[in-house]
Each structure stands twice: as C-alpha cells, then as structure tokens.
Amino acid sequence: MDNNGDKHLDNYEFEWGLRENGHVLSPMDLDRLFRYFDKNRDGRISYDEFLRCLRGDLNDRRRNLIGLAYQKLDRTHDGKVNIEDMRVAYDVSFHPDFKKGAKSRDQILQEFMA
C-alpha cells in the first residue's frame, strides 16, 4: 500500500490499497473513511493513526495495566522513564548485539529509548 515507502498513505495509496484488497468505495465514502483515519489532518495516514483508529480508545483495564508497567519502569519515581530507570529495568545481556560485542550496554539502551 505504501508505494513510495514514506510510512504514510496519501489518498491515492489508501484508495489503491483498499481496491487491491477488494474494497471499492464511492469517492464520497473513500473521502469520509480517509478523513476518519487522518486524525491530524495532514492529508496522509501514518501507521500510528491507522492503528489508533483500529484499536480504539484505551479501556480502563488497559489503562491500568499501562500505569502499572510505567510505575515498574519509573524506578526513580519522578514521573519519567529515563535511561537511568532502564539501566535497572532492562537487562541487555541477552540482546544479540550485546552478546556479539557489536553494541555496548549504553548503545542498546539509547536505541531502545529512541
């Protein structure tokens, strides 16, 4: 679907992606559906926009689970998860690049946090 590889779908790519999957819509329905997914109204649908629309809003159970995971990661209890928190929470010794000696502990953590 993402013909130009920019990790976004413009209206043309969106229409042809739907057609390739057997969904032929009227121009009005296509425009309405495109606008539904294009949350920031930039004329493109990002992967995140697409997923958010499919998943919907977080229910209370999911929100609570995320909160618990965040509390576990926030070792300094400052309301932020930073690299210092991750040094304690994430054991990079099992990471393939660390095992091969291709990357240091800090390089892996920086990449993870990016």
PDB file of N, CA and C in Angstrom:
ATOM      1  N   MET A   1       0.816  -1.195   0.000  1.00  0.00           N
ATOM      2  CA  MET A   1       0.000   0.000   0.000  1.00  0.00           C
ATOM      3  C   MET A   1       0.862   1.263   0.000  1.00  0.00           C
ATOM      4  N   ASP A   2       1.906   1.257   0.785  1.00  0.00           N
ATOM      5  CA  ASP A   2       2.781   2.433   0.894  1.00  0.00           C
ATOM      6  C   ASP A   2       3.778   2.409  -0.259  1.00  0.00           C
ATOM      7  N   ASN A   3       3.319   2.801  -1.417  1.00  0.00           N
ATOM      8  CA  ASN A   3       4.115   2.662  -2.639  1.00  0.00           C
ATOM      9  C   ASN A   3       5.427   3.431  -2.617  1.00  0.00           C
ATOM     10  N   ASN A   4       5.454   4.611  -2.015  1.00  0.00           N
ATOM     11  CA  ASN A   4       6.680   5.405  -2.023  1.00  0.00           C
ATOM     12  C   ASN A   4       7.557   5.163  -0.795  1.00  0.00           C
ATOM     13  N   GLY A   5       7.108   4.309   0.127  1.00  0.00           N
ATOM     14  CA  GLY A   5       7.924   3.910   1.266  1.00  0.00           C
ATOM     15  C   GLY A   5       8.134   4.975   2.334  1.00  0.00           C
ATOM     16  N   ASP A   6       7.245   5.982   2.390  1.00  0.00           N
ATOM     17  CA  ASP A   6       7.432   7.049   3.379  1.00  0.00           C
ATOM     18  C   ASP A   6       6.716   6.784   4.707  1.00  0.00           C
ATOM     19  N   LYS A   7       6.177   5.578   4.842  1.00  0.00           N
ATOM     20  CA  LYS A   7       5.490   5.154   6.070  1.00  0.00           C
ATOM     21  C   LYS A   7       4.216   5.943   6.333  1.00  0.00           C
ATOM     22  N   HIS A   8       3.640   6.472   5.272  1.00  0.00           N
ATOM     23  CA  HIS A   8       2.362   7.160   5.319  1.00  0.00           C
ATOM     24  C   HIS A   8       1.578   6.781   4.065  1.00  0.00           C
ATOM     25  N   LEU A   9       0.265   6.890   4.158  1.00  0.00           N
ATOM     26  CA  LEU A   9      -0.567   6.664   2.984  1.00  0.00           C
ATOM     27  C   LEU A   9      -1.218   7.974   2.591  1.00  0.00           C
ATOM     28  N   ASP A  10      -1.042   8.370   1.338  1.00  0.00           N
ATOM     29  CA  ASP A  10      -1.809   9.507   0.850  1.00  0.00           C
ATOM     30  C   ASP A  10      -3.136   8.962   0.335  1.00  0.00           C
ATOM     31  N   ASN A  11      -3.993   9.847  -0.137  1.00  0.00           N
ATOM     32  CA  ASN A  11      -5.327   9.434  -0.566  1.00  0.00           C
ATOM     33  C   ASN A  11      -5.259   8.399  -1.685  1.00  0.00           C
ATOM     34  N   TYR A  12      -4.343   8.598  -2.618  1.00  0.00           N
ATOM     35  CA  TYR A  12      -4.193   7.683  -3.742  1.00  0.00           C
ATOM     36  C   TYR A  12      -3.755   6.292  -3.267  1.00  0.00           C
ATOM     37  N   GLU A  13      -2.737   6.236  -2.410  1.00  0.00           N
ATOM     38  CA  GLU A  13      -2.253   4.948  -1.903  1.00  0.00           C
ATOM     39  C   GLU A  13      -3.335   4.251  -1.084  1.00  0.00           C
ATOM     40  N   PHE A  14      -4.064   5.028  -0.299  1.00  0.00           N
ATOM     41  CA  PHE A  14      -5.142   4.475   0.520  1.00  0.00           C
ATOM     42  C   PHE A  14      -6.217   3.849  -0.368  1.00  0.00           C
ATOM     43  N   GLU A  15      -6.629   4.588  -1.402  1.00  0.00           N
ATOM     44  CA  GLU A  15      -7.652   4.080  -2.312  1.00  0.00           C
ATOM     45  C   GLU A  15      -7.199   2.792  -2.987  1.00  0.00           C
ATOM     46  N   TRP A  16      -5.956   2.771  -3.502  1.00  0.00           N
ATOM     47  CA  TRP A  16      -5.475   1.583  -4.201  1.00  0.00           C
ATOM     48  C   TRP A  16      -5.216   0.416  -3.253  1.00  0.00           C
ATOM     49  N   GLY A  17      -4.821   0.713  -2.042  1.00  0.00           N
ATOM     50  CA  GLY A  17      -4.690  -0.359  -1.057  1.00  0.00           C
ATOM     51  C   GLY A  17      -6.019  -1.020  -0.764  1.00  0.00           C
ATOM     52  N   LEU A  18      -7.060  -0.221  -0.660  1.00  0.00           N
ATOM     53  CA  LEU A  18      -8.396  -0.778  -0.450  1.00  0.00           C
ATOM     54  C   LEU A  18      -8.846  -1.585  -1.667  1.00  0.00           C
ATOM     55  N   ARG A  19      -8.626  -1.025  -2.853  1.00  0.00           N
ATOM     56  CA  ARG A  19      -9.028  -1.730  -4.081  1.00  0.00           C
ATOM     57  C   ARG A  19      -8.297  -3.071  -4.227  1.00  0.00           C
ATOM     58  N   GLU A  20      -7.000  -3.066  -3.939  1.00  0.00           N
ATOM     59  CA  GLU A  20      -6.226  -4.305  -4.046  1.00  0.00           C
ATOM     60  C   GLU A  20      -6.732  -5.382  -3.103  1.00  0.00           C
ATOM     61  N   ASN A  21      -7.427  -4.968  -2.067  1.00  0.00           N
ATOM     62  CA  ASN A  21      -7.984  -5.914  -1.101  1.00  0.00           C
ATOM     63  C   ASN A  21      -9.481  -6.118  -1.288  1.00  0.00           C
ATOM     64  N   GLY A  22      -9.994  -5.707  -2.461  1.00  0.00           N
ATOM     65  CA  GLY A  22     -11.379  -5.984  -2.813  1.00  0.00           C
ATOM     66  C   GLY A  22     -12.400  -4.989  -2.296  1.00  0.00           C
ATOM     67  N   HIS A  23     -11.969  -3.809  -1.866  1.00  0.00           N
ATOM     68  CA  HIS A  23     -12.899  -2.803  -1.339  1.00  0.00           C
ATOM     69  C   HIS A  23     -12.934  -1.607  -2.275  1.00  0.00           C
ATOM     70  N   VAL A  24     -14.002  -1.509  -3.057  1.00  0.00           N
ATOM     71  CA  VAL A  24     -14.173  -0.388  -3.974  1.00  0.00           C
ATOM     72  C   VAL A  24     -15.238   0.513  -3.375  1.00  0.00           C
ATOM     73  N   LEU A  25     -14.847   1.737  -3.057  1.00  0.00           N
ATOM     74  CA  LEU A  25     -15.757   2.682  -2.409  1.00  0.00           C
ATOM     75  C   LEU A  25     -16.085   3.837  -3.339  1.00  0.00           C
ATOM     76  N   SER A  26     -17.217   4.451  -3.093  1.00  0.00           N
ATOM     77  CA  SER A  26     -17.556   5.664  -3.833  1.00  0.00           C
ATOM     78  C   SER A  26     -16.583   6.759  -3.421  1.00  0.00           C
ATOM     79  N   PRO A  27     -16.391   7.773  -4.254  1.00  0.00           N
ATOM     80  CA  PRO A  27     -15.494   8.870  -3.865  1.00  0.00           C
ATOM     81  C   PRO A  27     -15.874   9.504  -2.531  1.00  0.00           C
ATOM     82  N   MET A  28     -17.171   9.649  -2.266  1.00  0.00           N
ATOM     83  CA  MET A  28     -17.613  10.250  -1.012  1.00  0.00           C
ATOM     84  C   MET A  28     -17.268   9.346   0.178  1.00  0.00           C
ATOM     85  N   ASP A  29     -17.504   8.043   0.052  1.00  0.00           N
ATOM     86  CA  ASP A  29     -17.188   7.111   1.138  1.00  0.00           C
ATOM     87  C   ASP A  29     -15.680   7.013   1.352  1.00  0.00           C
ATOM     88  N   LEU A  30     -14.934   7.023   0.262  1.00  0.00           N
ATOM     89  CA  LEU A  30     -13.483   6.979   0.360  1.00  0.00           C
ATOM     90  C   LEU A  30     -12.956   8.210   1.106  1.00  0.00           C
ATOM     91  N   ASP A  31     -13.468   9.381   0.744  1.00  0.00           N
ATOM     92  CA  ASP A  31     -13.055  10.618   1.402  1.00  0.00           C
ATOM     93  C   ASP A  31     -13.422  10.598   2.882  1.00  0.00           C
ATOM     94  N   ARG A  32     -14.599  10.134   3.189  1.00  0.00           N
ATOM     95  CA  ARG A  32     -15.052  10.059   4.584  1.00  0.00           C
ATOM     96  C   ARG A  32     -14.165   9.112   5.390  1.00  0.00           C
ATOM     97  N   LEU A  33     -13.847   7.951   4.824  1.00  0.00           N
ATOM     98  CA  LEU A  33     -13.004   6.975   5.517  1.00  0.00           C
ATOM     99  C   LEU A  33     -11.577   7.497   5.674  1.00  0.00           C
ATOM    100  N   PHE A  34     -11.062   8.135   4.637  1.00  0.00           N
ATOM    101  CA  PHE A  34      -9.715   8.697   4.715  1.00  0.00           C
ATOM    102  C   PHE A  34      -9.643   9.743   5.829  1.00  0.00           C
ATOM    103  N   ARG A  35     -10.633  10.627   5.888  1.00  0.00           N
ATOM    104  CA  ARG A  35     -10.639  11.659   6.928  1.00  0.00           C
ATOM    105  C   ARG A  35     -10.782  11.062   8.319  1.00  0.00           C
ATOM    106  N   TYR A  36     -11.467   9.931   8.432  1.00  0.00           N
ATOM    107  CA  TYR A  36     -11.595   9.262   9.727  1.00  0.00           C
ATOM    108  C   TYR A  36     -10.224   8.813  10.243  1.00  0.00           C
ATOM    109  N   PHE A  37      -9.402   8.260   9.357  1.00  0.00           N
ATOM    110  CA  PHE A  37      -8.078   7.776   9.755  1.00  0.00           C
ATOM    111  C   PHE A  37      -7.049   8.901   9.877  1.00  0.00           C
ATOM    112  N   ASP A  38      -7.178   9.948   9.094  1.00  0.00           N
ATOM    113  CA  ASP A  38      -6.217  11.051   9.087  1.00  0.00           C
ATOM    114  C   ASP A  38      -6.522  12.012  10.241  1.00  0.00           C
ATOM    115  N   LYS A  39      -6.143  11.605  11.442  1.00  0.00           N
ATOM    116  CA  LYS A  39      -6.504  12.348  12.652  1.00  0.00           C
ATOM    117  C   LYS A  39      -5.881  13.733  12.731  1.00  0.00           C
ATOM    118  N   ASN A  40      -4.664  13.901  12.235  1.00  0.00           N
ATOM    119  CA  ASN A  40      -4.013  15.209  12.346  1.00  0.00           C
ATOM    120  C   ASN A  40      -4.271  16.090  11.120  1.00  0.00           C
ATOM    121  N   ARG A  41      -5.060  15.597  10.185  1.00  0.00           N
ATOM    122  CA  ARG A  41      -5.489  16.348   9.008  1.00  0.00           C
ATOM    123  C   ARG A  41      -4.333  16.879   8.154  1.00  0.00           C
ATOM    124  N   ASP A  42      -3.280  16.055   8.022  1.00  0.00           N
ATOM    125  CA  ASP A  42      -2.156  16.483   7.182  1.00  0.00           C
ATOM    126  C   ASP A  42      -2.241  15.908   5.768  1.00  0.00           C
ATOM    127  N   GLY A  43      -3.337  15.229   5.464  1.00  0.00           N
ATOM    128  CA  GLY A  43      -3.502  14.664   4.129  1.00  0.00           C
ATOM    129  C   GLY A  43      -2.814  13.331   3.933  1.00  0.00           C
ATOM    130  N   ARG A  44      -2.326  12.746   5.048  1.00  0.00           N
ATOM    131  CA  ARG A  44      -1.665  11.444   4.999  1.00  0.00           C
ATOM    132  C   ARG A  44      -2.089  10.649   6.224  1.00  0.00           C
ATOM    133  N   ILE A  45      -2.077   9.345   6.111  1.00  0.00           N
ATOM    134  CA  ILE A  45      -2.395   8.467   7.232  1.00  0.00           C
ATOM    135  C   ILE A  45      -1.109   7.778   7.661  1.00  0.00           C
ATOM    136  N   SER A  46      -0.689   8.030   8.890  1.00  0.00           N
ATOM    137  CA  SER A  46       0.502   7.363   9.412  1.00  0.00           C
ATOM    138  C   SER A  46       0.096   6.003   9.962  1.00  0.00           C
ATOM    139  N   TYR A  47       1.084   5.173  10.166  1.00  0.00           N
ATOM    140  CA  TYR A  47       0.846   3.854  10.744  1.00  0.00           C
ATOM    141  C   TYR A  47       0.198   3.992  12.126  1.00  0.00           C
ATOM    142  N   ASP A  48       0.671   4.946  12.927  1.00  0.00           N
ATOM    143  CA  ASP A  48       0.108   5.156  14.262  1.00  0.00           C
ATOM    144  C   ASP A  48      -1.345   5.606  14.191  1.00  0.00           C
ATOM    145  N   GLU A  49      -1.646   6.509  13.265  1.00  0.00           N
ATOM    146  CA  GLU A  49      -3.039   6.949  13.112  1.00  0.00           C
ATOM    147  C   GLU A  49      -3.926   5.762  12.748  1.00  0.00           C
ATOM    148  N   PHE A  50      -3.441   4.947  11.836  1.00  0.00           N
ATOM    149  CA  PHE A  50      -4.203   3.787  11.391  1.00  0.00           C
ATOM    150  C   PHE A  50      -4.466   2.832  12.552  1.00  0.00           C
ATOM    151  N   LEU A  51      -3.423   2.531  13.320  1.00  0.00           N
ATOM    152  CA  LEU A  51      -3.585   1.605  14.445  1.00  0.00           C
ATOM    153  C   LEU A  51      -4.504   2.159  15.528  1.00  0.00           C
ATOM    154  N   ARG A  52      -4.365   3.451  15.829  1.00  0.00           N
ATOM    155  CA  ARG A  52      -5.220   4.056  16.852  1.00  0.00           C
ATOM    156  C   ARG A  52      -6.687   3.939  16.482  1.00  0.00           C
ATOM    157  N   CYS A  53      -6.983   4.130  15.208  1.00  0.00           N
ATOM    158  CA  CYS A  53      -8.377   4.016  14.769  1.00  0.00           C
ATOM    159  C   CYS A  53      -8.879   2.582  14.855  1.00  0.00           C
ATOM    160  N   LEU A  54      -8.024   1.633  14.554  1.00  0.00           N
ATOM    161  CA  LEU A  54      -8.432   0.233  14.631  1.00  0.00           C
ATOM    162  C   LEU A  54      -8.604  -0.234  16.074  1.00  0.00           C
ATOM    163  N   ARG A  55      -7.676   0.183  16.921  1.00  0.00           N
ATOM    164  CA  ARG A  55      -7.709  -0.253  18.325  1.00  0.00           C
ATOM    165  C   ARG A  55      -8.777   0.453  19.126  1.00  0.00           C
ATOM    166  N   GLY A  56      -9.012   1.697  18.822  1.00  0.00           N
ATOM    167  CA  GLY A  56      -9.953   2.492  19.596  1.00  0.00           C
ATOM    168  C   GLY A  56      -9.292   3.040  20.853  1.00  0.00           C
ATOM    169  N   ASP A  57     -10.085   3.670  21.674  1.00  0.00           N
ATOM    170  CA  ASP A  57      -9.585   4.249  22.913  1.00  0.00           C
ATOM    171  C   ASP A  57      -9.225   3.160  23.911  1.00  0.00           C
ATOM    172  N   LEU A  58      -8.336   3.498  24.818  1.00  0.00           N
ATOM    173  CA  LEU A  58      -7.969   2.554  25.881  1.00  0.00           C
ATOM    174  C   LEU A  58      -9.131   2.395  26.850  1.00  0.00           C
ATOM    175  N   ASN A  59      -9.442   1.153  27.165  1.00  0.00           N
ATOM    176  CA  ASN A  59     -10.433   0.950  28.213  1.00  0.00           C
ATOM    177  C   ASN A  59      -9.720   1.036  29.563  1.00  0.00           C
ATOM    178  N   ASP A  60     -10.489   1.055  30.630  1.00  0.00           N
ATOM    179  CA  ASP A  60      -9.901   1.223  31.968  1.00  0.00           C
ATOM    180  C   ASP A  60      -8.913   0.122  32.309  1.00  0.00           C
ATOM    181  N   ARG A  61      -9.212  -1.103  31.923  1.00  0.00           N
ATOM    182  CA  ARG A  61      -8.314  -2.223  32.231  1.00  0.00           C
ATOM    183  C   ARG A  61      -6.955  -2.033  31.558  1.00  0.00           C
ATOM    184  N   ARG A  62      -6.964  -1.696  30.266  1.00  0.00           N
ATOM    185  CA  ARG A  62      -5.709  -1.477  29.544  1.00  0.00           C
ATOM    186  C   ARG A  62      -4.954  -0.277  30.113  1.00  0.00           C
ATOM    187  N   ARG A  63      -5.684   0.791  30.435  1.00  0.00           N
ATOM    188  CA  ARG A  63      -5.055   1.984  31.001  1.00  0.00           C
ATOM    189  C   ARG A  63      -4.381   1.651  32.336  1.00  0.00           C
ATOM    190  N   ASN A  64      -5.034   0.845  33.171  1.00  0.00           N
ATOM    191  CA  ASN A  64      -4.456   0.444  34.455  1.00  0.00           C
ATOM    192  C   ASN A  64      -3.208  -0.417  34.278  1.00  0.00           C
ATOM    193  N   LEU A  65      -3.242  -1.329  33.317  1.00  0.00           N
ATOM    194  CA  LEU A  65      -2.069  -2.169  33.048  1.00  0.00           C
ATOM    195  C   LEU A  65      -0.883  -1.335  32.577  1.00  0.00           C
ATOM    196  N   ILE A  66      -1.156  -0.360  31.746  1.00  0.00           N
ATOM    197  CA  ILE A  66      -0.090   0.532  31.286  1.00  0.00           C
ATOM    198  C   ILE A  66       0.471   1.322  32.461  1.00  0.00           C
ATOM    199  N   GLY A  67      -0.409   1.794  33.334  1.00  0.00           N
ATOM    200  CA  GLY A  67       0.033   2.530  34.522  1.00  0.00           C
ATOM    201  C   GLY A  67       0.911   1.678  35.422  1.00  0.00           C
ATOM    202  N   LEU A  68       0.533   0.429  35.606  1.00  0.00           N
ATOM    203  CA  LEU A  68       1.342  -0.472  36.433  1.00  0.00           C
ATOM    204  C   LEU A  68       2.714  -0.722  35.812  1.00  0.00           C
ATOM    205  N   ALA A  69       2.735  -0.935  34.515  1.00  0.00           N
ATOM    206  CA  ALA A  69       4.019  -1.143  33.826  1.00  0.00           C
ATOM    207  C   ALA A  69       4.884   0.110  33.925  1.00  0.00           C
ATOM    208  N   TYR A  70       4.274   1.267  33.771  1.00  0.00           N
ATOM    209  CA  TYR A  70       5.028   2.519  33.849  1.00  0.00           C
ATOM    210  C   TYR A  70       5.607   2.711  35.248  1.00  0.00           C
ATOM    211  N   GLN A  71       4.812   2.420  36.273  1.00  0.00           N
ATOM    212  CA  GLN A  71       5.306   2.534  37.651  1.00  0.00           C
ATOM    213  C   GLN A  71       6.485   1.608  37.886  1.00  0.00           C
ATOM    214  N   LYS A  72       6.422   0.423  37.306  1.00  0.00           N
ATOM    215  CA  LYS A  72       7.515  -0.537  37.474  1.00  0.00           C
ATOM    216  C   LYS A  72       8.797  -0.027  36.795  1.00  0.00           C
ATOM    217  N   LEU A  73       8.637   0.626  35.652  1.00  0.00           N
ATOM    218  CA  LEU A  73       9.802   1.144  34.942  1.00  0.00           C
ATOM    219  C   LEU A  73      10.358   2.414  35.584  1.00  0.00           C
ATOM    220  N   ASP A  74       9.499   3.241  36.150  1.00  0.00           N
ATOM    221  CA  ASP A  74       9.922   4.515  36.740  1.00  0.00           C
ATOM    222  C   ASP A  74      10.535   4.259  38.111  1.00  0.00           C
ATOM    223  N   ARG A  75      11.780   3.792  38.120  1.00  0.00           N
ATOM    224  CA  ARG A  75      12.462   3.413  39.363  1.00  0.00           C
ATOM    225  C   ARG A  75      12.758   4.602  40.269  1.00  0.00           C
ATOM    226  N   THR A  76      12.915   5.791  39.671  1.00  0.00           N
ATOM    227  CA  THR A  76      13.229   6.978  40.473  1.00  0.00           C
ATOM    228  C   THR A  76      11.977   7.703  40.949  1.00  0.00           C
ATOM    229  N   HIS A  77      10.815   7.243  40.510  1.00  0.00           N
ATOM    230  CA  HIS A  77       9.515   7.800  40.911  1.00  0.00           C
ATOM    231  C   HIS A  77       9.413   9.299  40.658  1.00  0.00           C
ATOM    232  N   ASP A  78       9.975   9.737  39.529  1.00  0.00           N
ATOM    233  CA  ASP A  78       9.888  11.156  39.187  1.00  0.00           C
ATOM    234  C   ASP A  78       8.869  11.422  38.080  1.00  0.00           C
ATOM    235  N   GLY A  79       8.084  10.397  37.717  1.00  0.00           N
ATOM    236  CA  GLY A  79       7.067  10.560  36.686  1.00  0.00           C
ATOM    237  C   GLY A  79       7.606  10.450  35.269  1.00  0.00           C
ATOM    238  N   LYS A  80       8.878  10.104  35.127  1.00  0.00           N
ATOM    239  CA  LYS A  80       9.503   9.953  33.813  1.00  0.00           C
ATOM    240  C   LYS A  80      10.283   8.652  33.783  1.00  0.00           C
ATOM    241  N   VAL A  81      10.273   8.012  32.637  1.00  0.00           N
ATOM    242  CA  VAL A  81      11.120   6.839  32.445  1.00  0.00           C
ATOM    243  C   VAL A  81      12.308   7.300  31.606  1.00  0.00           C
ATOM    244  N   ASN A  82      13.474   7.299  32.217  1.00  0.00           N
ATOM    245  CA  ASN A  82      14.676   7.744  31.516  1.00  0.00           C
ATOM    246  C   ASN A  82      15.676   6.593  31.449  1.00  0.00           C
ATOM    247  N   ILE A  83      16.823   6.867  30.897  1.00  0.00           N
ATOM    248  CA  ILE A  83      17.819   5.816  30.695  1.00  0.00           C
ATOM    249  C   ILE A  83      18.317   5.239  32.021  1.00  0.00           C
ATOM    250  N   GLU A  84      18.346   6.052  33.060  1.00  0.00           N
ATOM    251  CA  GLU A  84      18.759   5.537  34.374  1.00  0.00           C
ATOM    252  C   GLU A  84      17.758   4.494  34.875  1.00  0.00           C
ATOM    253  N   ASP A  85      16.483   4.758  34.686  1.00  0.00           N
ATOM    254  CA  ASP A  85      15.453   3.781  35.060  1.00  0.00           C
ATOM    255  C   ASP A  85      15.615   2.501  34.253  1.00  0.00           C
ATOM    256  N   MET A  86      15.895   2.658  32.962  1.00  0.00           N
ATOM    257  CA  MET A  86      16.006   1.497  32.086  1.00  0.00           C
ATOM    258  C   MET A  86      17.243   0.666  32.389  1.00  0.00           C
ATOM    259  N   ARG A  87      18.305   1.300  32.886  1.00  0.00           N
ATOM    260  CA  ARG A  87      19.508   0.526  33.248  1.00  0.00           C
ATOM    261  C   ARG A  87      19.169  -0.516  34.306  1.00  0.00           C
ATOM    262  N   VAL A  88      18.242  -0.172  35.183  1.00  0.00           N
ATOM    263  CA  VAL A  88      17.842  -1.092  36.249  1.00  0.00           C
ATOM    264  C   VAL A  88      16.811  -2.099  35.735  1.00  0.00           C
ATOM    265  N   ALA A  89      15.902  -1.636  34.887  1.00  0.00           N
ATOM    266  CA  ALA A  89      14.771  -2.470  34.472  1.00  0.00           C
ATOM    267  C   ALA A  89      15.078  -3.413  33.300  1.00  0.00           C
ATOM    268  N   TYR A  90      15.999  -3.030  32.439  1.00  0.00           N
ATOM    269  CA  TYR A  90      16.232  -3.777  31.200  1.00  0.00           C
ATOM    270  C   TYR A  90      17.629  -4.385  31.210  1.00  0.00           C
ATOM    271  N   ASP A  91      17.682  -5.709  31.264  1.00  0.00           N
ATOM    272  CA  ASP A  91      18.951  -6.434  31.243  1.00  0.00           C
ATOM    273  C   ASP A  91      19.347  -6.676  29.790  1.00  0.00           C
ATOM    274  N   VAL A  92      20.324  -5.921  29.309  1.00  0.00           N
ATOM    275  CA  VAL A  92      20.726  -6.023  27.904  1.00  0.00           C
ATOM    276  C   VAL A  92      21.635  -7.215  27.631  1.00  0.00           C
ATOM    277  N   SER A  93      22.020  -7.943  28.647  1.00  0.00           N
ATOM    278  CA  SER A  93      22.982  -9.034  28.447  1.00  0.00           C
ATOM    279  C   SER A  93      22.445 -10.138  27.534  1.00  0.00           C
ATOM    280  N   PHE A  94      21.137 -10.185  27.331  1.00  0.00           N
ATOM    281  CA  PHE A  94      20.555 -11.184  26.433  1.00  0.00           C
ATOM    282  C   PHE A  94      20.359 -10.651  25.015  1.00  0.00           C
ATOM    283  N   HIS A  95      20.598  -9.366  24.820  1.00  0.00           N
ATOM    284  CA  HIS A  95      20.426  -8.760  23.494  1.00  0.00           C
ATOM    285  C   HIS A  95      21.487  -9.335  22.548  1.00  0.00           C
ATOM    286  N   PRO A  96      21.103  -9.750  21.344  1.00  0.00           N
ATOM    287  CA  PRO A  96      22.062 -10.375  20.426  1.00  0.00           C
ATOM    288  C   PRO A  96      23.271  -9.483  20.103  1.00  0.00           C
ATOM    289  N   ASP A  97      23.045  -8.184  19.933  1.00  0.00           N
ATOM    290  CA  ASP A  97      24.173  -7.294  19.621  1.00  0.00           C
ATOM    291  C   ASP A  97      25.118  -7.129  20.803  1.00  0.00           C
ATOM    292  N   PHE A  98      24.599  -7.213  22.013  1.00  0.00           N
ATOM    293  CA  PHE A  98      25.456  -7.144  23.194  1.00  0.00           C
ATOM    294  C   PHE A  98      26.269  -8.432  23.310  1.00  0.00           C
ATOM    295  N   LYS A  99      25.617  -9.553  23.073  1.00  0.00           N
ATOM    296  CA  LYS A  99      26.306 -10.852  23.142  1.00  0.00           C
ATOM    297  C   LYS A  99      27.448 -10.934  22.134  1.00  0.00           C
ATOM    298  N   LYS A 100      27.242 -10.379  20.936  1.00  0.00           N
ATOM    299  CA  LYS A 100      28.265 -10.407  19.894  1.00  0.00           C
ATOM    300  C   LYS A 100      29.345  -9.357  20.121  1.00  0.00           C
ATOM    301  N   GLY A 101      29.097  -8.439  21.038  1.00  0.00           N
ATOM    302  CA  GLY A 101      30.043  -7.350  21.255  1.00  0.00           C
ATOM    303  C   GLY A 101      29.907  -6.241  20.232  1.00  0.00           C
ATOM    304  N   ALA A 102      28.827  -6.261  19.467  1.00  0.00           N
ATOM    305  CA  ALA A 102      28.621  -5.258  18.422  1.00  0.00           C
ATOM    306  C   ALA A 102      28.155  -3.921  18.988  1.00  0.00           C
ATOM    307  N   LYS A 103      27.481  -3.964  20.146  1.00  0.00           N
ATOM    308  CA  LYS A 103      26.981  -2.735  20.762  1.00  0.00           C
ATOM    309  C   LYS A 103      27.209  -2.791  22.265  1.00  0.00           C
ATOM    310  N   SER A 104      27.417  -1.607  22.826  1.00  0.00           N
ATOM    311  CA  SER A 104      27.591  -1.510  24.283  1.00  0.00           C
ATOM    312  C   SER A 104      26.220  -1.467  24.967  1.00  0.00           C
ATOM    313  N   ARG A 105      26.248  -1.614  26.261  1.00  0.00           N
ATOM    314  CA  ARG A 105      25.019  -1.520  27.061  1.00  0.00           C
ATOM    315  C   ARG A 105      24.322  -0.178  26.809  1.00  0.00           C
ATOM    316  N   ASP A 106      25.095   0.909  26.830  1.00  0.00           N
ATOM    317  CA  ASP A 106      24.504   2.234  26.629  1.00  0.00           C
ATOM    318  C   ASP A 106      23.951   2.412  25.216  1.00  0.00           C
ATOM    319  N   GLN A 107      24.628   1.866  24.210  1.00  0.00           N
ATOM    320  CA  GLN A 107      24.123   1.974  22.841  1.00  0.00           C
ATOM    321  C   GLN A 107      22.773   1.272  22.708  1.00  0.00           C
ATOM    322  N   ILE A 108      22.651   0.113  23.303  1.00  0.00           N
ATOM    323  CA  ILE A 108      21.391  -0.644  23.235  1.00  0.00           C
ATOM    324  C   ILE A 108      20.297   0.098  23.979  1.00  0.00           C
ATOM    325  N   LEU A 109      20.620   0.632  25.148  1.00  0.00           N
ATOM    326  CA  LEU A 109      19.602   1.373  25.905  1.00  0.00           C
ATOM    327  C   LEU A 109      19.182   2.644  25.170  1.00  0.00           C
ATOM    328  N   GLN A 110      20.152   3.351  24.585  1.00  0.00           N
ATOM    329  CA  GLN A 110      19.806   4.570  23.831  1.00  0.00           C
ATOM    330  C   GLN A 110      18.881   4.222  22.659  1.00  0.00           C
ATOM    331  N   GLU A 111      19.198   3.153  21.965  1.00  0.00           N
ATOM    332  CA  GLU A 111      18.383   2.723  20.828  1.00  0.00           C
ATOM    333  C   GLU A 111      16.982   2.339  21.292  1.00  0.00           C
ATOM    334  N   PHE A 112      16.901   1.654  22.425  1.00  0.00           N
ATOM    335  CA  PHE A 112      15.616   1.244  22.978  1.00  0.00           C
ATOM    336  C   PHE A 112      14.763   2.452  23.355  1.00  0.00           C
ATOM    337  N   MET A 113      15.408   3.483  23.893  1.00  0.00           N
ATOM    338  CA  MET A 113      14.692   4.653  24.368  1.00  0.00           C
ATOM    339  C   MET A 113      14.312   5.627  23.219  1.00  0.00           C
ATOM    340  N   ALA A 114      14.926   5.453  22.052  1.00  0.00           N
ATOM    341  CA  ALA A 114      14.672   6.387  20.945  1.00  0.00           C
ATOM    342  C   ALA A 114      13.266   6.236  20.394  1.00  0.00           C
TER     343      ALA A 114
END
